[in-house]
Amino acid sequence: MDTESVKNIKKILVGVDDSADAQLAFRVAMRRAIDLNATLYIVSVLEKDEMNVFQVLDDDYVHGEREELKKHLLRYQKIAEEAGVIDVRIVIAEGDPGETIVKEVIPSINPDLLIIGALSKQGIRKYFGSQAAYMAKYAPCSVFVVR
């Protein structure tokens, strides 16, 4: 990537969970957003695969999970703002993380760069590698996978 291309990065999307790789990806994304004066979008995906059938059918349960996720993302937002990122936005999506980010989140945000961790702490696919590989292969923007 040449210097001119780097300067044109105005929107950075970072996928987060509580894994060490995602935490590192978040720190890398904050640093890039500060250096490039870019907007930082922080996304997390509520995985319904992790819920049993009764939980999925219970709107109150799903709403509660979504609210917890929102509180968690607001903490990330506060950390980024305190670190000096000027414009920070949060995004909550539902579904399979890789597919949802590529097919729903990226088209709605149109980021210039996606930063993700290689491994995930949650989900059936504890090893996020398959998700990271999916996003790296199918995302219509540059992807930075952090390990």
C-alpha atoms as a PDB file:
ATOM      1  CA  MET A   1       0.000   0.000   0.000  1.00  0.00           C
ATOM      2  CA  ASP A   2       1.547   3.300  -1.011  1.00  0.00           C
ATOM      3  CA  THR A   3       1.532   6.415   1.153  1.00  0.00           C
ATOM      4  CA  GLU A   4      -1.252   8.027  -0.869  1.00  0.00           C
ATOM      5  CA  SER A   5      -3.539   5.012  -0.332  1.00  0.00           C
ATOM      6  CA  VAL A   6      -2.885   5.086   3.407  1.00  0.00           C
ATOM      7  CA  LYS A   7      -3.802   8.776   3.554  1.00  0.00           C
ATOM      8  CA  ASN A   8      -7.146   8.006   1.893  1.00  0.00           C
ATOM      9  CA  ILE A   9      -8.282   5.749   4.743  1.00  0.00           C
ATOM     10  CA  LYS A  10     -11.119   7.695   6.336  1.00  0.00           C
ATOM     11  CA  LYS A  11     -13.244   4.887   7.805  1.00  0.00           C
ATOM     12  CA  ILE A  12     -11.870   2.006   9.851  1.00  0.00           C
ATOM     13  CA  LEU A  13     -14.062  -0.878  10.979  1.00  0.00           C
ATOM     14  CA  VAL A  14     -12.817  -3.060  13.831  1.00  0.00           C
ATOM     15  CA  GLY A  15     -14.449  -6.270  15.005  1.00  0.00           C
ATOM     16  CA  VAL A  16     -14.284  -6.852  18.753  1.00  0.00           C
ATOM     17  CA  ASP A  17     -14.972  -9.490  21.368  1.00  0.00           C
ATOM     18  CA  ASP A  18     -13.053 -10.256  24.563  1.00  0.00           C
ATOM     19  CA  SER A  19     -10.303 -12.338  22.958  1.00  0.00           C
ATOM     20  CA  ALA A  20      -6.672 -11.223  23.214  1.00  0.00           C
ATOM     21  CA  ASP A  21      -6.423 -10.935  19.419  1.00  0.00           C
ATOM     22  CA  ALA A  22      -9.541  -8.760  19.243  1.00  0.00           C
ATOM     23  CA  GLN A  23      -8.177  -6.549  22.020  1.00  0.00           C
ATOM     24  CA  LEU A  24      -4.970  -6.139  20.043  1.00  0.00           C
ATOM     25  CA  ALA A  25      -6.967  -5.437  16.862  1.00  0.00           C
ATOM     26  CA  PHE A  26      -8.875  -2.747  18.762  1.00  0.00           C
ATOM     27  CA  ARG A  27      -5.631  -1.093  19.920  1.00  0.00           C
ATOM     28  CA  VAL A  28      -4.202  -1.226  16.385  1.00  0.00           C
ATOM     29  CA  ALA A  29      -7.445   0.255  15.000  1.00  0.00           C
ATOM     30  CA  MET A  30      -7.392   3.090  17.544  1.00  0.00           C
ATOM     31  CA  ARG A  31      -3.784   3.922  16.661  1.00  0.00           C
ATOM     32  CA  ARG A  32      -4.546   3.899  12.901  1.00  0.00           C
ATOM     33  CA  ALA A  33      -7.666   6.038  13.433  1.00  0.00           C
ATOM     34  CA  ILE A  34      -5.681   8.591  15.433  1.00  0.00           C
ATOM     35  CA  ASP A  35      -2.761   8.650  12.977  1.00  0.00           C
ATOM     36  CA  LEU A  36      -5.030   8.957   9.934  1.00  0.00           C
ATOM     37  CA  ASN A  37      -7.738  11.120  11.539  1.00  0.00           C
ATOM     38  CA  ALA A  38     -10.221   8.446  10.490  1.00  0.00           C
ATOM     39  CA  THR A  39     -13.647   7.555  11.831  1.00  0.00           C
ATOM     40  CA  LEU A  40     -13.518   4.370  13.908  1.00  0.00           C
ATOM     41  CA  TYR A  41     -16.468   1.982  13.713  1.00  0.00           C
ATOM     42  CA  ILE A  42     -16.487  -0.683  16.431  1.00  0.00           C
ATOM     43  CA  VAL A  43     -18.599  -3.726  15.583  1.00  0.00           C
ATOM     44  CA  SER A  44     -19.620  -6.779  17.557  1.00  0.00           C
ATOM     45  CA  VAL A  45     -21.951  -9.506  16.396  1.00  0.00           C
ATOM     46  CA  LEU A  46     -24.558 -11.130  18.612  1.00  0.00           C
ATOM     47  CA  GLU A  47     -24.298 -14.801  17.717  1.00  0.00           C
ATOM     48  CA  LYS A  48     -27.643 -16.519  17.960  1.00  0.00           C
ATOM     49  CA  ASP A  49     -25.829 -19.833  17.324  1.00  0.00           C
ATOM     50  CA  GLU A  50     -24.718 -19.612  20.936  1.00  0.00           C
ATOM     51  CA  MET A  51     -28.304 -19.475  22.230  1.00  0.00           C
ATOM     52  CA  ASN A  52     -30.600 -22.426  22.687  1.00  0.00           C
ATOM     53  CA  VAL A  53     -33.931 -22.490  20.868  1.00  0.00           C
ATOM     54  CA  PHE A  54     -35.838 -21.175  23.891  1.00  0.00           C
ATOM     55  CA  GLN A  55     -33.484 -18.221  24.279  1.00  0.00           C
ATOM     56  CA  VAL A  56     -33.729 -17.328  20.586  1.00  0.00           C
ATOM     57  CA  LEU A  57     -37.515 -17.381  20.768  1.00  0.00           C
ATOM     58  CA  ASP A  58     -37.550 -15.240  23.916  1.00  0.00           C
ATOM     59  CA  ASP A  59     -37.523 -11.608  22.744  1.00  0.00           C
ATOM     60  CA  ASP A  60     -36.735 -10.407  26.269  1.00  0.00           C
ATOM     61  CA  TYR A  61     -33.660 -12.654  26.438  1.00  0.00           C
ATOM     62  CA  VAL A  62     -32.373 -11.542  23.025  1.00  0.00           C
ATOM     63  CA  HIS A  63     -33.080  -7.886  23.900  1.00  0.00           C
ATOM     64  CA  GLY A  64     -31.182  -8.322  27.177  1.00  0.00           C
ATOM     65  CA  GLU A  65     -28.208  -9.858  25.371  1.00  0.00           C
ATOM     66  CA  ARG A  66     -28.262  -7.017  22.852  1.00  0.00           C
ATOM     67  CA  GLU A  67     -28.362  -4.421  25.653  1.00  0.00           C
ATOM     68  CA  GLU A  68     -25.381  -6.061  27.379  1.00  0.00           C
ATOM     69  CA  LEU A  69     -23.481  -6.022  24.099  1.00  0.00           C
ATOM     70  CA  LYS A  70     -24.330  -2.347  23.614  1.00  0.00           C
ATOM     71  CA  LYS A  71     -23.001  -1.494  27.099  1.00  0.00           C
ATOM     72  CA  HIS A  72     -19.827  -3.392  26.277  1.00  0.00           C
ATOM     73  CA  LEU A  73     -19.373  -1.504  22.991  1.00  0.00           C
ATOM     74  CA  LEU A  74     -20.000   1.822  24.729  1.00  0.00           C
ATOM     75  CA  ARG A  75     -17.037   1.017  27.003  1.00  0.00           C
ATOM     76  CA  TYR A  76     -14.894   0.441  23.900  1.00  0.00           C
ATOM     77  CA  GLN A  77     -16.157   3.732  22.491  1.00  0.00           C
ATOM     78  CA  LYS A  78     -15.200   5.588  25.661  1.00  0.00           C
ATOM     79  CA  ILE A  79     -11.704   4.058  25.650  1.00  0.00           C
ATOM     80  CA  ALA A  80     -11.200   5.106  22.015  1.00  0.00           C
ATOM     81  CA  GLU A  81     -12.420   8.643  22.650  1.00  0.00           C
ATOM     82  CA  GLU A  82     -10.194   8.986  25.711  1.00  0.00           C
ATOM     83  CA  ALA A  83      -7.254   7.742  23.611  1.00  0.00           C
ATOM     84  CA  GLY A  84      -7.841  10.570  21.134  1.00  0.00           C
ATOM     85  CA  VAL A  85      -9.994   9.103  18.367  1.00  0.00           C
ATOM     86  CA  ILE A  86     -12.126  12.023  17.199  1.00  0.00           C
ATOM     87  CA  ASP A  87     -15.104  10.166  15.700  1.00  0.00           C
ATOM     88  CA  VAL A  88     -16.087   6.785  17.184  1.00  0.00           C
ATOM     89  CA  ARG A  89     -19.257   4.884  16.338  1.00  0.00           C
ATOM     90  CA  ILE A  90     -20.578   1.533  17.493  1.00  0.00           C
ATOM     91  CA  VAL A  91     -22.376  -1.103  15.451  1.00  0.00           C
ATOM     92  CA  ILE A  92     -24.284  -4.128  16.741  1.00  0.00           C
ATOM     93  CA  ALA A  93     -25.243  -6.854  14.306  1.00  0.00           C
ATOM     94  CA  GLU A  94     -26.753 -10.323  14.651  1.00  0.00           C
ATOM     95  CA  GLY A  95     -25.772 -13.564  12.966  1.00  0.00           C
ATOM     96  CA  ASP A  96     -22.626 -15.352  11.896  1.00  0.00           C
ATOM     97  CA  PRO A  97     -19.772 -12.868  12.525  1.00  0.00           C
ATOM     98  CA  GLY A  98     -17.814 -13.215   9.283  1.00  0.00           C
ATOM     99  CA  GLU A  99     -20.800 -13.388   6.989  1.00  0.00           C
ATOM    100  CA  THR A 100     -22.708 -10.640   8.803  1.00  0.00           C
ATOM    101  CA  ILE A 101     -19.761  -8.249   8.759  1.00  0.00           C
ATOM    102  CA  VAL A 102     -19.054  -8.871   5.065  1.00  0.00           C
ATOM    103  CA  LYS A 103     -22.639  -8.936   3.786  1.00  0.00           C
ATOM    104  CA  GLU A 104     -24.380  -6.435   6.078  1.00  0.00           C
ATOM    105  CA  VAL A 105     -22.025  -4.240   8.088  1.00  0.00           C
ATOM    106  CA  ILE A 106     -19.437  -3.413   5.424  1.00  0.00           C
ATOM    107  CA  PRO A 107     -22.026  -2.442   2.772  1.00  0.00           C
ATOM    108  CA  SER A 108     -23.800  -0.147   5.246  1.00  0.00           C
ATOM    109  CA  ILE A 109     -20.614   1.569   6.464  1.00  0.00           C
ATOM    110  CA  ASN A 110     -18.367   1.298   3.402  1.00  0.00           C
ATOM    111  CA  PRO A 111     -15.092   1.265   5.380  1.00  0.00           C
ATOM    112  CA  ASP A 112     -11.696   1.679   3.763  1.00  0.00           C
ATOM    113  CA  LEU A 113     -10.102  -0.819   6.164  1.00  0.00           C
ATOM    114  CA  LEU A 114     -11.340  -3.729   8.293  1.00  0.00           C
ATOM    115  CA  ILE A 115      -9.171  -4.721  11.272  1.00  0.00           C
ATOM    116  CA  ILE A 116      -9.910  -8.046  12.981  1.00  0.00           C
ATOM    117  CA  GLY A 117      -8.284 -10.481  15.365  1.00  0.00           C
ATOM    118  CA  ALA A 118      -7.268 -13.919  14.173  1.00  0.00           C
ATOM    119  CA  LEU A 119      -8.841 -15.773  17.119  1.00  0.00           C
ATOM    120  CA  SER A 120     -12.159 -15.357  18.910  1.00  0.00           C
ATOM    121  CA  LYS A 121     -13.009 -16.026  22.535  1.00  0.00           C
ATOM    122  CA  GLN A 122     -16.678 -16.769  21.928  1.00  0.00           C
ATOM    123  CA  GLY A 123     -18.723 -18.747  19.527  1.00  0.00           C
ATOM    124  CA  ILE A 124     -18.932 -22.242  18.181  1.00  0.00           C
ATOM    125  CA  ARG A 125     -15.923 -21.290  16.105  1.00  0.00           C
ATOM    126  CA  LYS A 126     -13.743 -20.461  19.104  1.00  0.00           C
ATOM    127  CA  TYR A 127     -10.900 -20.171  16.682  1.00  0.00           C
ATOM    128  CA  PHE A 128     -11.865 -17.101  14.719  1.00  0.00           C
ATOM    129  CA  GLY A 129      -9.450 -18.133  11.987  1.00  0.00           C
ATOM    130  CA  SER A 130     -12.250 -19.403   9.800  1.00  0.00           C
ATOM    131  CA  GLN A 131     -14.104 -16.116  10.324  1.00  0.00           C
ATOM    132  CA  ALA A 132     -10.973 -14.040   9.713  1.00  0.00           C
ATOM    133  CA  ALA A 133     -10.167 -16.058   6.590  1.00  0.00           C
ATOM    134  CA  TYR A 134     -13.734 -15.606   5.340  1.00  0.00           C
ATOM    135  CA  MET A 135     -13.603 -11.842   5.866  1.00  0.00           C
ATOM    136  CA  ALA A 136     -10.144 -11.525   4.316  1.00  0.00           C
ATOM    137  CA  LYS A 137     -11.337 -13.433   1.263  1.00  0.00           C
ATOM    138  CA  TYR A 138     -14.728 -11.803   0.722  1.00  0.00           C
ATOM    139  CA  ALA A 139     -14.551  -8.292   2.199  1.00  0.00           C
ATOM    140  CA  PRO A 140     -14.605  -5.626  -0.538  1.00  0.00           C
ATOM    141  CA  CYS A 141     -12.079  -3.517   1.394  1.00  0.00           C
ATOM    142  CA  SER A 142      -8.572  -4.028   2.727  1.00  0.00           C
ATOM    143  CA  VAL A 143      -8.400  -6.381   5.719  1.00  0.00           C
ATOM    144  CA  PHE A 144      -5.770  -6.340   8.446  1.00  0.00           C
ATOM    145  CA  VAL A 145      -5.759  -9.555  10.518  1.00  0.00           C
ATOM    146  CA  VAL A 146      -4.037  -9.147  13.896  1.00  0.00           C
ATOM    147  CA  ARG A 147      -2.436 -11.971  15.868  1.00  0.00           C
END
